Amino acid sequence: MTESLVLVANSGDGSISTFRFSDGALERIALTEGLTGTSTFAVDSARGLVYAGVKGRTKEESPGIVTLRLDRASGALEQISRLDLVGGGMNYLSLSHDGTVLLGASYGGGFGISAPIVDGVVGEPASRIEFPNLHSVLPSADGQNAYFVSLGADLIAQYALADDATLTPLDPPTVAAPAGSGPRHLVLNAAQDAVYVLTEFSAEVLHYTRDTATGALTLQGAADAFDPTRGLTRSRFGADPRAEHLIWGADLHLADDGKRLWASERSESTLGAVLVAEDGSLTAPTRFVDTEPQPRGFHISADGAYLVAAGEQSTTVSLYAVHGDDLDLQGQAETGRTASWVRFV
């Protein structure tokens, strides 16, 4: 029997749903409310802690990062601390250094942070960086580097990450993405010698090689991750992709022992798997699966056998069995409004 939990952030309701995933089925066992505008969280499974980005409940209240304790039996989340933020809320959070460092990216605020964590309490940022429309941030597996993706500047900012959570720019400090592509989400492969970035305006997966000694990235190639038969055209900053039927790339995750990169596209609500060759080069999908309306977030189980997708224009999540580049729908479950972040934990 395969049993774990799945957490889903519902930013429209200010809540996080907790599902029990067992024997190929999802059952919602808890709903934690009072998390205004939450659309991202990071999970420290070893300590049973969840760090969630929230907006202020009133005009006077600052956005922040709240620490929640997860009861794995009941699925309930209990708030234990909060860090107020100046300048904007978080759109992406990730953990490094065995859960003692938190990284965050603020799209609206145009800044990123690295902050120490002690006993679940997030301290004041040790470093703060600024780039327009930062959309995501991930560390390398060894915690030596952190990579911040700027959609507004079409670049990835690359840093050395110290034990005390301070950031030091690498040489060079940034690496470019194609002009106007709108880089959005990134993943690192298991060998840590490749970084893949999904773009929002062109829905390409960009392949960067990573020097494992220095941490520096070099752009090598790309492959499309949108369905070419749907009549979509390239988007641009400030456009309404729904009104103009434009490309709208969103989330990206590795699967199949690193042989595939699943990507979501929101205008046509599809999931497609980009093929990854042994040398890291990419081939565009030949099959696309229709999924939840406007799929901003999805996640894949640790064993690669299942995928859960959420839609911003839906109140349900869909559970799929993964078969290579195809998905077999197993069922749907109610979650909440504007579901945008999914994690198996």
C-alpha atoms as a PDB file:
ATOM      1  CA  MET A   1       0.000   0.000   0.000  1.00  0.00           C
ATOM      2  CA  THR A   2       1.259   3.443  -0.970  1.00  0.00           C
ATOM      3  CA  GLU A   3       0.220   6.101   1.552  1.00  0.00           C
ATOM      4  CA  SER A   4       1.323   9.712   1.921  1.00  0.00           C
ATOM      5  CA  LEU A   5      -0.134  13.193   2.183  1.00  0.00           C
ATOM      6  CA  VAL A   6      -0.762  15.784  -0.503  1.00  0.00           C
ATOM      7  CA  LEU A   7      -1.039  19.478   0.348  1.00  0.00           C
ATOM      8  CA  VAL A   8      -2.769  21.967  -1.963  1.00  0.00           C
ATOM      9  CA  ALA A   9      -2.751  25.755  -1.504  1.00  0.00           C
ATOM     10  CA  ASN A  10      -6.046  27.455  -2.422  1.00  0.00           C
ATOM     11  CA  SER A  11      -5.152  31.132  -2.707  1.00  0.00           C
ATOM     12  CA  GLY A  12      -8.728  32.204  -3.489  1.00  0.00           C
ATOM     13  CA  ASP A  13      -9.955  30.784  -0.183  1.00  0.00           C
ATOM     14  CA  GLY A  14      -6.807  31.454   1.842  1.00  0.00           C
ATOM     15  CA  SER A  15      -6.543  27.797   2.763  1.00  0.00           C
ATOM     16  CA  ILE A  16      -4.449  24.652   2.453  1.00  0.00           C
ATOM     17  CA  SER A  17      -6.154  21.316   1.820  1.00  0.00           C
ATOM     18  CA  THR A  18      -4.609  18.152   3.213  1.00  0.00           C
ATOM     19  CA  PHE A  19      -5.337  14.932   1.342  1.00  0.00           C
ATOM     20  CA  ARG A  20      -4.511  11.385   2.301  1.00  0.00           C
ATOM     21  CA  PHE A  21      -3.169   9.577  -0.746  1.00  0.00           C
ATOM     22  CA  SER A  22      -3.583   5.836  -0.418  1.00  0.00           C
ATOM     23  CA  ASP A  23      -3.935   2.974  -2.901  1.00  0.00           C
ATOM     24  CA  GLY A  24      -4.296   5.309  -5.871  1.00  0.00           C
ATOM     25  CA  ALA A  25      -6.981   7.549  -4.360  1.00  0.00           C
ATOM     26  CA  LEU A  26      -7.185  10.988  -2.724  1.00  0.00           C
ATOM     27  CA  GLU A  27      -9.267  11.772   0.342  1.00  0.00           C
ATOM     28  CA  ARG A  28      -9.358  15.248   1.850  1.00  0.00           C
ATOM     29  CA  ILE A  29      -8.872  14.895   5.592  1.00  0.00           C
ATOM     30  CA  ALA A  30      -8.329  18.516   6.661  1.00  0.00           C
ATOM     31  CA  LEU A  31      -8.739  22.114   5.524  1.00  0.00           C
ATOM     32  CA  THR A  32      -6.636  24.789   7.220  1.00  0.00           C
ATOM     33  CA  GLU A  33      -8.078  28.270   6.764  1.00  0.00           C
ATOM     34  CA  GLY A  34      -6.940  31.786   7.682  1.00  0.00           C
ATOM     35  CA  LEU A  35      -3.965  31.765   5.283  1.00  0.00           C
ATOM     36  CA  THR A  36      -4.912  34.792   3.186  1.00  0.00           C
ATOM     37  CA  GLY A  37      -3.767  34.586  -0.429  1.00  0.00           C
ATOM     38  CA  THR A  38      -1.471  31.629   0.137  1.00  0.00           C
ATOM     39  CA  SER A  39      -0.092  30.356  -3.168  1.00  0.00           C
ATOM     40  CA  THR A  40       3.233  28.815  -2.157  1.00  0.00           C
ATOM     41  CA  PHE A  41       4.691  26.739   0.642  1.00  0.00           C
ATOM     42  CA  ALA A  42       7.793  24.710   1.432  1.00  0.00           C
ATOM     43  CA  VAL A  43       7.687  21.497   3.461  1.00  0.00           C
ATOM     44  CA  ASP A  44      10.223  20.201   5.970  1.00  0.00           C
ATOM     45  CA  SER A  45       8.943  16.633   6.171  1.00  0.00           C
ATOM     46  CA  ALA A  46      11.540  15.514   8.705  1.00  0.00           C
ATOM     47  CA  ARG A  47      10.366  18.090  11.236  1.00  0.00           C
ATOM     48  CA  GLY A  48       6.708  18.148  10.216  1.00  0.00           C
ATOM     49  CA  LEU A  49       6.819  21.863   9.361  1.00  0.00           C
ATOM     50  CA  VAL A  50       5.252  23.839   6.518  1.00  0.00           C
ATOM     51  CA  TYR A  51       6.340  27.373   5.607  1.00  0.00           C
ATOM     52  CA  ALA A  52       3.588  29.238   3.738  1.00  0.00           C
ATOM     53  CA  GLY A  53       3.595  32.627   2.060  1.00  0.00           C
ATOM     54  CA  VAL A  54       0.542  34.740   2.943  1.00  0.00           C
ATOM     55  CA  LYS A  55      -0.847  38.164   2.153  1.00  0.00           C
ATOM     56  CA  GLY A  56      -2.060  40.662   4.732  1.00  0.00           C
ATOM     57  CA  ARG A  57      -5.653  40.199   5.869  1.00  0.00           C
ATOM     58  CA  THR A  58      -6.140  43.990   5.943  1.00  0.00           C
ATOM     59  CA  LYS A  59      -4.526  46.951   4.179  1.00  0.00           C
ATOM     60  CA  GLU A  60      -2.591  47.635   7.370  1.00  0.00           C
ATOM     61  CA  GLU A  61      -1.233  44.084   7.786  1.00  0.00           C
ATOM     62  CA  SER A  62       1.986  43.132   6.029  1.00  0.00           C
ATOM     63  CA  PRO A  63       2.366  39.997   3.941  1.00  0.00           C
ATOM     64  CA  GLY A  64       4.462  37.345   5.590  1.00  0.00           C
ATOM     65  CA  ILE A  65       5.715  33.802   5.947  1.00  0.00           C
ATOM     66  CA  VAL A  66       3.961  31.625   8.517  1.00  0.00           C
ATOM     67  CA  THR A  67       5.332  28.433  10.010  1.00  0.00           C
ATOM     68  CA  LEU A  68       2.778  25.652  10.454  1.00  0.00           C
ATOM     69  CA  ARG A  69       3.132  22.356  12.289  1.00  0.00           C
ATOM     70  CA  LEU A  70       1.672  19.424  10.341  1.00  0.00           C
ATOM     71  CA  ASP A  71      -0.141  16.643  12.191  1.00  0.00           C
ATOM     72  CA  ARG A  72       0.327  13.755   9.771  1.00  0.00           C
ATOM     73  CA  ALA A  73      -2.451  11.708  11.388  1.00  0.00           C
ATOM     74  CA  SER A  74      -5.193  14.331  11.129  1.00  0.00           C
ATOM     75  CA  GLY A  75      -3.741  16.493   8.354  1.00  0.00           C
ATOM     76  CA  ALA A  76      -4.281  19.635  10.431  1.00  0.00           C
ATOM     77  CA  LEU A  77      -1.849  22.557  10.263  1.00  0.00           C
ATOM     78  CA  GLU A  78      -1.217  24.699  13.345  1.00  0.00           C
ATOM     79  CA  GLN A  79       0.467  28.095  13.070  1.00  0.00           C
ATOM     80  CA  ILE A  80       3.474  28.428  15.395  1.00  0.00           C
ATOM     81  CA  SER A  81       5.249  31.577  14.136  1.00  0.00           C
ATOM     82  CA  ARG A  82       5.158  34.355  11.541  1.00  0.00           C
ATOM     83  CA  LEU A  83       7.688  36.622   9.822  1.00  0.00           C
ATOM     84  CA  ASP A  84       6.311  39.895   8.450  1.00  0.00           C
ATOM     85  CA  LEU A  85       7.713  41.012   5.094  1.00  0.00           C
ATOM     86  CA  VAL A  86       8.325  44.509   3.788  1.00  0.00           C
ATOM     87  CA  GLY A  87       7.749  45.176   0.104  1.00  0.00           C
ATOM     88  CA  GLY A  88       5.623  42.248  -1.017  1.00  0.00           C
ATOM     89  CA  GLY A  89       4.582  38.666  -0.465  1.00  0.00           C
ATOM     90  CA  MET A  90       6.267  35.464  -1.575  1.00  0.00           C
ATOM     91  CA  ASN A  91       5.399  33.647  -4.802  1.00  0.00           C
ATOM     92  CA  TYR A  92       7.881  30.801  -4.302  1.00  0.00           C
ATOM     93  CA  LEU A  93       9.527  29.289  -1.222  1.00  0.00           C
ATOM     94  CA  SER A  94      12.138  26.553  -0.900  1.00  0.00           C
ATOM     95  CA  LEU A  95      14.348  25.085   1.814  1.00  0.00           C
ATOM     96  CA  SER A  96      18.077  24.427   1.980  1.00  0.00           C
ATOM     97  CA  HIS A  97      20.745  23.334   4.471  1.00  0.00           C
ATOM     98  CA  ASP A  98      18.610  20.551   5.935  1.00  0.00           C
ATOM     99  CA  GLY A  99      15.720  22.892   6.647  1.00  0.00           C
ATOM    100  CA  THR A 100      17.755  25.630   8.371  1.00  0.00           C
ATOM    101  CA  VAL A 101      17.659  28.114   5.477  1.00  0.00           C
ATOM    102  CA  LEU A 102      14.574  29.446   3.689  1.00  0.00           C
ATOM    103  CA  LEU A 103      14.720  30.964   0.200  1.00  0.00           C
ATOM    104  CA  GLY A 104      11.935  33.113  -1.196  1.00  0.00           C
ATOM    105  CA  ALA A 105      11.038  34.975  -4.384  1.00  0.00           C
ATOM    106  CA  SER A 106       8.556  37.866  -4.581  1.00  0.00           C
ATOM    107  CA  TYR A 107       7.052  38.514  -8.015  1.00  0.00           C
ATOM    108  CA  GLY A 108       5.148  41.687  -7.135  1.00  0.00           C
ATOM    109  CA  GLY A 109       7.875  43.033  -4.856  1.00  0.00           C
ATOM    110  CA  GLY A 110      10.733  42.249  -7.220  1.00  0.00           C
ATOM    111  CA  PHE A 111      12.979  40.867  -4.497  1.00  0.00           C
ATOM    112  CA  GLY A 112      14.344  37.611  -3.182  1.00  0.00           C
ATOM    113  CA  ILE A 113      15.438  36.605   0.302  1.00  0.00           C
ATOM    114  CA  SER A 114      17.506  34.048   2.129  1.00  0.00           C
ATOM    115  CA  ALA A 115      16.762  33.671   5.822  1.00  0.00           C
ATOM    116  CA  PRO A 116      17.897  31.439   8.696  1.00  0.00           C
ATOM    117  CA  ILE A 117      15.479  29.104  10.456  1.00  0.00           C
ATOM    118  CA  VAL A 118      15.853  28.106  14.107  1.00  0.00           C
ATOM    119  CA  ASP A 119      13.350  25.659  15.616  1.00  0.00           C
ATOM    120  CA  GLY A 120      10.810  26.488  12.927  1.00  0.00           C
ATOM    121  CA  VAL A 121      11.099  30.237  13.394  1.00  0.00           C
ATOM    122  CA  VAL A 122      12.122  32.133  10.257  1.00  0.00           C
ATOM    123  CA  GLY A 123      14.574  34.890  11.139  1.00  0.00           C
ATOM    124  CA  GLU A 124      15.108  38.231   9.457  1.00  0.00           C
ATOM    125  CA  PRO A 125      16.596  37.824   5.963  1.00  0.00           C
ATOM    126  CA  ALA A 126      20.380  37.457   5.912  1.00  0.00           C
ATOM    127  CA  SER A 127      20.409  38.588   2.279  1.00  0.00           C
ATOM    128  CA  ARG A 128      17.977  40.420   0.055  1.00  0.00           C
ATOM    129  CA  ILE A 129      18.379  40.709  -3.713  1.00  0.00           C
ATOM    130  CA  GLU A 130      16.417  42.701  -6.280  1.00  0.00           C
ATOM    131  CA  PHE A 131      15.366  41.750  -9.819  1.00  0.00           C
ATOM    132  CA  PRO A 132      12.049  42.489 -11.561  1.00  0.00           C
ATOM    133  CA  ASN A 133       9.290  39.904 -11.204  1.00  0.00           C
ATOM    134  CA  LEU A 134      11.227  37.162  -9.483  1.00  0.00           C
ATOM    135  CA  HIS A 135       9.149  34.023  -9.937  1.00  0.00           C
ATOM    136  CA  SER A 136      11.020  31.117  -8.352  1.00  0.00           C
ATOM    137  CA  VAL A 137      14.110  30.061  -6.435  1.00  0.00           C
ATOM    138  CA  LEU A 138      15.758  26.695  -5.758  1.00  0.00           C
ATOM    139  CA  PRO A 139      18.996  25.624  -4.098  1.00  0.00           C
ATOM    140  CA  SER A 140      21.374  22.959  -5.324  1.00  0.00           C
ATOM    141  CA  ALA A 141      21.044  19.683  -3.443  1.00  0.00           C
ATOM    142  CA  ASP A 142      24.282  20.285  -1.526  1.00  0.00           C
ATOM    143  CA  GLY A 143      23.142  23.762  -0.495  1.00  0.00           C
ATOM    144  CA  GLN A 144      26.154  25.449  -2.072  1.00  0.00           C
ATOM    145  CA  ASN A 145      24.175  27.470  -4.603  1.00  0.00           C
ATOM    146  CA  ALA A 146      20.831  29.222  -5.012  1.00  0.00           C
ATOM    147  CA  TYR A 147      19.198  30.156  -8.320  1.00  0.00           C
ATOM    148  CA  PHE A 148      16.594  32.930  -8.588  1.00  0.00           C
ATOM    149  CA  VAL A 149      14.543  33.242 -11.799  1.00  0.00           C
ATOM    150  CA  SER A 150      13.553  36.744 -12.955  1.00  0.00           C
ATOM    151  CA  LEU A 151      10.659  36.701 -15.411  1.00  0.00           C
ATOM    152  CA  GLY A 152      10.835  40.472 -15.862  1.00  0.00           C
ATOM    153  CA  ALA A 153      14.545  40.590 -16.739  1.00  0.00           C
ATOM    154  CA  ASP A 154      14.757  37.267 -18.630  1.00  0.00           C
ATOM    155  CA  LEU A 155      17.561  35.881 -16.471  1.00  0.00           C
ATOM    156  CA  ILE A 156      18.612  33.482 -13.745  1.00  0.00           C
ATOM    157  CA  ALA A 157      20.608  35.056 -10.914  1.00  0.00           C
ATOM    158  CA  GLN A 158      23.141  32.615  -9.468  1.00  0.00           C
ATOM    159  CA  TYR A 159      24.645  32.722  -5.981  1.00  0.00           C
ATOM    160  CA  ALA A 160      26.806  30.918  -3.499  1.00  0.00           C
ATOM    161  CA  LEU A 161      24.721  30.128  -0.425  1.00  0.00           C
ATOM    162  CA  ALA A 162      26.516  30.069   2.935  1.00  0.00           C
ATOM    163  CA  ASP A 163      25.566  28.178   6.088  1.00  0.00           C
ATOM    164  CA  ASP A 164      24.453  31.463   7.686  1.00  0.00           C
ATOM    165  CA  ALA A 165      22.011  32.008   4.777  1.00  0.00           C
ATOM    166  CA  THR A 166      23.981  34.816   3.131  1.00  0.00           C
ATOM    167  CA  LEU A 167      24.127  35.031  -0.653  1.00  0.00           C
ATOM    168  CA  THR A 168      27.242  35.900  -2.687  1.00  0.00           C
ATOM    169  CA  PRO A 169      26.932  36.430  -6.473  1.00  0.00           C
ATOM    170  CA  LEU A 170      28.805  33.983  -8.694  1.00  0.00           C
ATOM    171  CA  ASP A 171      30.979  35.036 -11.623  1.00  0.00           C
ATOM    172  CA  PRO A 172      29.051  35.853 -13.739  1.00  0.00           C
ATOM    173  CA  PRO A 173      26.223  36.887 -11.369  1.00  0.00           C
ATOM    174  CA  THR A 174      23.471  36.195 -13.917  1.00  0.00           C
ATOM    175  CA  VAL A 175      22.838  34.050 -16.976  1.00  0.00           C
ATOM    176  CA  ALA A 176      20.427  35.114 -19.703  1.00  0.00           C
ATOM    177  CA  ALA A 177      17.261  33.469 -20.940  1.00  0.00           C
ATOM    178  CA  PRO A 178      15.971  34.231 -24.468  1.00  0.00           C
ATOM    179  CA  ALA A 179      14.691  37.809 -24.718  1.00  0.00           C
ATOM    180  CA  GLY A 180      10.970  38.071 -24.040  1.00  0.00           C
ATOM    181  CA  SER A 181      10.601  34.406 -23.053  1.00  0.00           C
ATOM    182  CA  GLY A 182       9.617  35.114 -19.433  1.00  0.00           C
ATOM    183  CA  PRO A 183      11.507  32.423 -17.470  1.00  0.00           C
ATOM    184  CA  ARG A 184       9.332  31.175 -14.620  1.00  0.00           C
ATOM    185  CA  HIS A 185       9.987  27.862 -12.812  1.00  0.00           C
ATOM    186  CA  LEU A 186      13.139  25.736 -12.612  1.00  0.00           C
ATOM    187  CA  VAL A 187      14.293  22.270 -11.573  1.00  0.00           C
ATOM    188  CA  LEU A 188      17.709  20.647 -11.082  1.00  0.00           C
ATOM    189  CA  ASN A 189      18.371  17.084 -12.180  1.00  0.00           C
ATOM    190  CA  ALA A 190      19.543  14.385  -9.765  1.00  0.00           C
ATOM    191  CA  ALA A 191      23.163  14.645 -10.882  1.00  0.00           C
ATOM    192  CA  GLN A 192      22.990  18.414 -10.278  1.00  0.00           C
ATOM    193  CA  ASP A 193      24.770  19.061 -13.579  1.00  0.00           C
ATOM    194  CA  ALA A 194      21.699  20.412 -15.390  1.00  0.00           C
ATOM    195  CA  VAL A 195      19.079  23.058 -14.653  1.00  0.00           C
ATOM    196  CA  TYR A 196      15.830  23.252 -16.605  1.00  0.00           C
ATOM    197  CA  VAL A 197      13.673  26.388 -16.739  1.00  0.00           C
ATOM    198  CA  LEU A 198      10.113  26.695 -18.079  1.00  0.00           C
ATOM    199  CA  THR A 199       9.254  30.027 -19.705  1.00  0.00           C
ATOM    200  CA  GLU A 200       5.840  31.650 -19.382  1.00  0.00           C
ATOM    201  CA  PHE A 201       5.514  33.569 -22.669  1.00  0.00           C
ATOM    202  CA  SER A 202       6.944  30.918 -25.007  1.00  0.00           C
ATOM    203  CA  ALA A 203       6.382  27.732 -22.923  1.00  0.00           C
ATOM    204  CA  GLU A 204       9.860  26.482 -23.710  1.00  0.00           C
ATOM    205  CA  VAL A 205      11.942  24.330 -21.431  1.00  0.00           C
ATOM    206  CA  LEU A 206      15.463  25.786 -21.390  1.00  0.00           C
ATOM    207  CA  HIS A 207      18.403  23.480 -20.742  1.00  0.00           C
ATOM    208  CA  TYR A 208      21.354  24.900 -18.804  1.00  0.00           C
ATOM    209  CA  THR A 209      24.408  22.860 -17.924  1.00  0.00           C
ATOM    210  CA  ARG A 210      25.695  23.441 -14.380  1.00  0.00           C
ATOM    211  CA  ASP A 211      29.356  23.410 -13.422  1.00  0.00           C
ATOM    212  CA  THR A 212      29.181  21.326 -10.240  1.00  0.00           C
ATOM    213  CA  ALA A 213      32.412  22.902  -8.951  1.00  0.00           C
ATOM    214  CA  THR A 214      31.541  26.578  -9.425  1.00  0.00           C
ATOM    215  CA  GLY A 215      27.749  26.406  -9.687  1.00  0.00           C
ATOM    216  CA  ALA A 216      27.721  28.513 -12.857  1.00  0.00           C
ATOM    217  CA  LEU A 217      25.078  27.854 -15.527  1.00  0.00           C
ATOM    218  CA  THR A 218      25.454  27.830 -19.322  1.00  0.00           C
ATOM    219  CA  LEU A 219      22.502  27.777 -21.736  1.00  0.00           C
ATOM    220  CA  GLN A 220      22.655  24.784 -24.082  1.00  0.00           C
ATOM    221  CA  GLY A 221      19.305  24.397 -25.811  1.00  0.00           C
ATOM    222  CA  ALA A 222      15.518  24.347 -25.529  1.00  0.00           C
ATOM    223  CA  ALA A 223      12.347  22.507 -26.508  1.00  0.00           C
ATOM    224  CA  ASP A 224       8.723  23.622 -26.745  1.00  0.00           C
ATOM    225  CA  ALA A 225       6.319  22.371 -24.075  1.00  0.00           C
ATOM    226  CA  PHE A 226       2.974  23.561 -25.516  1.00  0.00           C
ATOM    227  CA  ASP A 227       0.605  21.823 -27.925  1.00  0.00           C
ATOM    228  CA  PRO A 228       1.318  23.202 -31.437  1.00  0.00           C
ATOM    229  CA  THR A 229      -2.113  22.098 -32.699  1.00  0.00           C
ATOM    230  CA  ARG A 230      -4.089  24.450 -30.415  1.00  0.00           C
ATOM    231  CA  GLY A 231      -3.427  27.696 -32.331  1.00  0.00           C
ATOM    232  CA  LEU A 232      -1.537  29.430 -29.520  1.00  0.00           C
ATOM    233  CA  THR A 233       0.851  32.304 -30.244  1.00  0.00           C
ATOM    234  CA  ARG A 234       3.697  33.757 -28.220  1.00  0.00           C
ATOM    235  CA  SER A 235       2.725  35.951 -25.293  1.00  0.00           C
ATOM    236  CA  ARG A 236       4.373  39.081 -23.850  1.00  0.00           C
ATOM    237  CA  PHE A 237       4.620  40.931 -20.585  1.00  0.00           C
ATOM    238  CA  GLY A 238       1.317  42.596 -19.614  1.00  0.00           C
ATOM    239  CA  ALA A 239      -0.827  40.669 -22.126  1.00  0.00           C
ATOM    240  CA  ASP A 240      -4.014  38.808 -21.217  1.00  0.00           C
ATOM    241  CA  PRO A 241      -3.303  35.271 -22.437  1.00  0.00           C
ATOM    242  CA  ARG A 242      -6.917  34.151 -22.031  1.00  0.00           C
ATOM    243  CA  ALA A 243      -8.366  37.053 -24.031  1.00  0.00           C
ATOM    244  CA  GLU A 244      -5.783  36.742 -26.830  1.00  0.00           C
ATOM    245  CA  HIS A 245      -5.320  32.954 -26.749  1.00  0.00           C
ATOM    246  CA  LEU A 246      -1.613  33.228 -25.987  1.00  0.00           C
ATOM    247  CA  ILE A 247       0.934  30.761 -24.661  1.00  0.00           C
ATOM    248  CA  TRP A 248       0.921  30.666 -20.846  1.00  0.00           C
ATOM    249  CA  GLY A 249       3.509  28.302 -19.390  1.00  0.00           C
ATOM    250  CA  ALA A 250       3.334  27.579 -15.656  1.00  0.00           C
ATOM    251  CA  ASP A 251       4.850  24.678 -13.680  1.00  0.00           C
ATOM    252  CA  LEU A 252       7.661  22.183 -14.292  1.00  0.00           C
ATOM    253  CA  HIS A 253       8.672  18.890 -12.612  1.00  0.00           C
ATOM    254  CA  LEU A 254      11.033  16.009 -13.352  1.00  0.00           C
ATOM    255  CA  ALA A 255       9.785  12.420 -13.605  1.00  0.00           C
ATOM    256  CA  ASP A 256      10.734   8.973 -14.873  1.00  0.00           C
ATOM    257  CA  ASP A 257      14.175   9.038 -13.187  1.00  0.00           C
ATOM    258  CA  GLY A 258      14.967  12.314 -14.890  1.00  0.00           C
ATOM    259  CA  LYS A 259      14.030  11.125 -18.382  1.00  0.00           C
ATOM    260  CA  ARG A 260      10.986  13.412 -18.665  1.00  0.00           C
ATOM    261  CA  LEU A 261      10.042  16.947 -17.695  1.00  0.00           C
ATOM    262  CA  TRP A 262       6.317  17.456 -17.208  1.00  0.00           C
ATOM    263  CA  ALA A 263       5.158  21.020 -17.927  1.00  0.00           C
ATOM    264  CA  SER A 264       1.785  22.755 -17.669  1.00  0.00           C
ATOM    265  CA  GLU A 265       0.301  25.310 -20.083  1.00  0.00           C
ATOM    266  CA  ARG A 266      -2.657  27.314 -18.792  1.00  0.00           C
ATOM    267  CA  SER A 267      -4.417  28.787 -21.850  1.00  0.00           C
ATOM    268  CA  GLU A 268      -5.250  25.329 -23.238  1.00  0.00           C
ATOM    269  CA  SER A 269      -5.029  23.591 -19.826  1.00  0.00           C
ATOM    270  CA  THR A 270      -2.592  20.882 -20.884  1.00  0.00           C
ATOM    271  CA  LEU A 271       0.191  18.788 -19.406  1.00  0.00           C
ATOM    272  CA  GLY A 272       2.990  17.527 -21.626  1.00  0.00           C
ATOM    273  CA  ALA A 273       6.208  15.586 -20.999  1.00  0.00           C
ATOM    274  CA  VAL A 274       9.424  16.865 -22.589  1.00  0.00           C
ATOM    275  CA  LEU A 275      11.862  14.013 -23.232  1.00  0.00           C
ATOM    276  CA  VAL A 276      15.344  14.349 -21.680  1.00  0.00           C
ATOM    277  CA  ALA A 277      18.243  12.566 -23.413  1.00  0.00           C
ATOM    278  CA  GLU A 278      21.284  11.180 -21.596  1.00  0.00           C
ATOM    279  CA  ASP A 279      23.271  14.298 -22.528  1.00  0.00           C
ATOM    280  CA  GLY A 280      20.514  16.528 -21.113  1.00  0.00           C
ATOM    281  CA  SER A 281      19.197  17.682 -24.468  1.00  0.00           C
ATOM    282  CA  LEU A 282      15.456  17.976 -24.921  1.00  0.00           C
ATOM    283  CA  THR A 283      12.723  16.819 -27.323  1.00  0.00           C
ATOM    284  CA  ALA A 284       9.263  18.405 -27.413  1.00  0.00           C
ATOM    285  CA  PRO A 285       6.258  16.292 -26.349  1.00  0.00           C
ATOM    286  CA  THR A 286       4.238  14.402 -28.943  1.00  0.00           C
ATOM    287  CA  ARG A 287       1.310  13.848 -26.567  1.00  0.00           C
ATOM    288  CA  PHE A 288      -0.638  16.344 -24.434  1.00  0.00           C
ATOM    289  CA  VAL A 289      -3.199  15.627 -21.731  1.00  0.00           C
ATOM    290  CA  ASP A 290      -6.113  17.963 -20.996  1.00  0.00           C
ATOM    291  CA  THR A 291      -6.315  18.670 -17.289  1.00  0.00           C
ATOM    292  CA  GLU A 292      -7.821  21.005 -14.669  1.00  0.00           C
ATOM    293  CA  PRO A 293      -8.723  24.459 -16.063  1.00  0.00           C
ATOM    294  CA  GLN A 294      -5.722  26.834 -15.939  1.00  0.00           C
ATOM    295  CA  PRO A 295      -3.209  24.470 -14.299  1.00  0.00           C
ATOM    296  CA  ARG A 296      -0.780  26.705 -12.431  1.00  0.00           C
ATOM    297  CA  GLY A 297       0.523  23.977 -10.128  1.00  0.00           C
ATOM    298  CA  PHE A 298       0.993  20.216 -10.100  1.00  0.00           C
ATOM    299  CA  HIS A 299       3.330  17.702  -8.472  1.00  0.00           C
ATOM    300  CA  ILE A 300       4.562  14.143  -8.985  1.00  0.00           C
ATOM    301  CA  SER A 301       4.897  11.477  -6.282  1.00  0.00           C
ATOM    302  CA  ALA A 302       8.390  10.490  -5.171  1.00  0.00           C
ATOM    303  CA  ASP A 303       8.165   7.160  -6.982  1.00  0.00           C
ATOM    304  CA  GLY A 304       7.017   8.891 -10.177  1.00  0.00           C
ATOM    305  CA  ALA A 305       3.857   6.793 -10.390  1.00  0.00           C
ATOM    306  CA  TYR A 306       1.258   9.509  -9.735  1.00  0.00           C
ATOM    307  CA  LEU A 307       0.639  13.149 -10.582  1.00  0.00           C
ATOM    308  CA  VAL A 308      -1.781  15.587  -8.924  1.00  0.00           C
ATOM    309  CA  ALA A 309      -2.800  18.713 -10.866  1.00  0.00           C
ATOM    310  CA  ALA A 310      -4.697  21.785  -9.678  1.00  0.00           C
ATOM    311  CA  GLY A 311      -6.480  24.447 -11.741  1.00  0.00           C
ATOM    312  CA  GLU A 312      -6.882  28.135 -10.970  1.00  0.00           C
ATOM    313  CA  GLN A 313     -10.323  28.055 -12.611  1.00  0.00           C
ATOM    314  CA  SER A 314     -11.456  24.904 -10.813  1.00  0.00           C
ATOM    315  CA  THR A 315     -12.262  23.839  -7.264  1.00  0.00           C
ATOM    316  CA  THR A 316     -11.027  20.269  -7.764  1.00  0.00           C
ATOM    317  CA  VAL A 317      -7.692  18.538  -8.165  1.00  0.00           C
ATOM    318  CA  SER A 318      -7.106  15.617 -10.508  1.00  0.00           C
ATOM    319  CA  LEU A 319      -5.125  12.494  -9.643  1.00  0.00           C
ATOM    320  CA  TYR A 320      -3.399  10.642 -12.493  1.00  0.00           C
ATOM    321  CA  ALA A 321      -1.406   7.452 -12.818  1.00  0.00           C
ATOM    322  CA  VAL A 322       1.723   8.235 -14.858  1.00  0.00           C
ATOM    323  CA  HIS A 323       2.584   5.941 -17.762  1.00  0.00           C
ATOM    324  CA  GLY A 324       5.598   7.316 -19.598  1.00  0.00           C
ATOM    325  CA  ASP A 325       4.342  10.401 -21.431  1.00  0.00           C
ATOM    326  CA  ASP A 326       0.655   9.625 -20.778  1.00  0.00           C
ATOM    327  CA  LEU A 327      -1.633  10.182 -17.800  1.00  0.00           C
ATOM    328  CA  ASP A 328      -4.534   7.988 -16.714  1.00  0.00           C
ATOM    329  CA  LEU A 329      -7.139   9.883 -14.674  1.00  0.00           C
ATOM    330  CA  GLN A 330      -7.856   8.075 -11.387  1.00  0.00           C
ATOM    331  CA  GLY A 331     -10.271  10.573  -9.899  1.00  0.00           C
ATOM    332  CA  GLN A 332     -10.900  14.118  -8.705  1.00  0.00           C
ATOM    333  CA  ALA A 333     -11.331  15.651  -5.260  1.00  0.00           C
ATOM    334  CA  GLU A 334     -12.665  18.976  -3.996  1.00  0.00           C
ATOM    335  CA  THR A 335     -10.059  21.409  -2.731  1.00  0.00           C
ATOM    336  CA  GLY A 336     -10.917  25.148  -2.937  1.00  0.00           C
ATOM    337  CA  ARG A 337     -10.824  28.262  -5.093  1.00  0.00           C
ATOM    338  CA  THR A 338      -7.773  29.272  -7.141  1.00  0.00           C
ATOM    339  CA  ALA A 339      -5.742  26.189  -6.281  1.00  0.00           C
ATOM    340  CA  SER A 340      -2.195  26.948  -7.344  1.00  0.00           C
ATOM    341  CA  TRP A 341       0.394  24.880  -5.432  1.00  0.00           C
ATOM    342  CA  VAL A 342       0.610  21.123  -4.935  1.00  0.00           C
ATOM    343  CA  ARG A 343       3.091  18.985  -3.019  1.00  0.00           C
ATOM    344  CA  PHE A 344       3.318  15.301  -2.059  1.00  0.00           C
ATOM    345  CA  VAL A 345       4.759  15.237   1.484  1.00  0.00           C
END
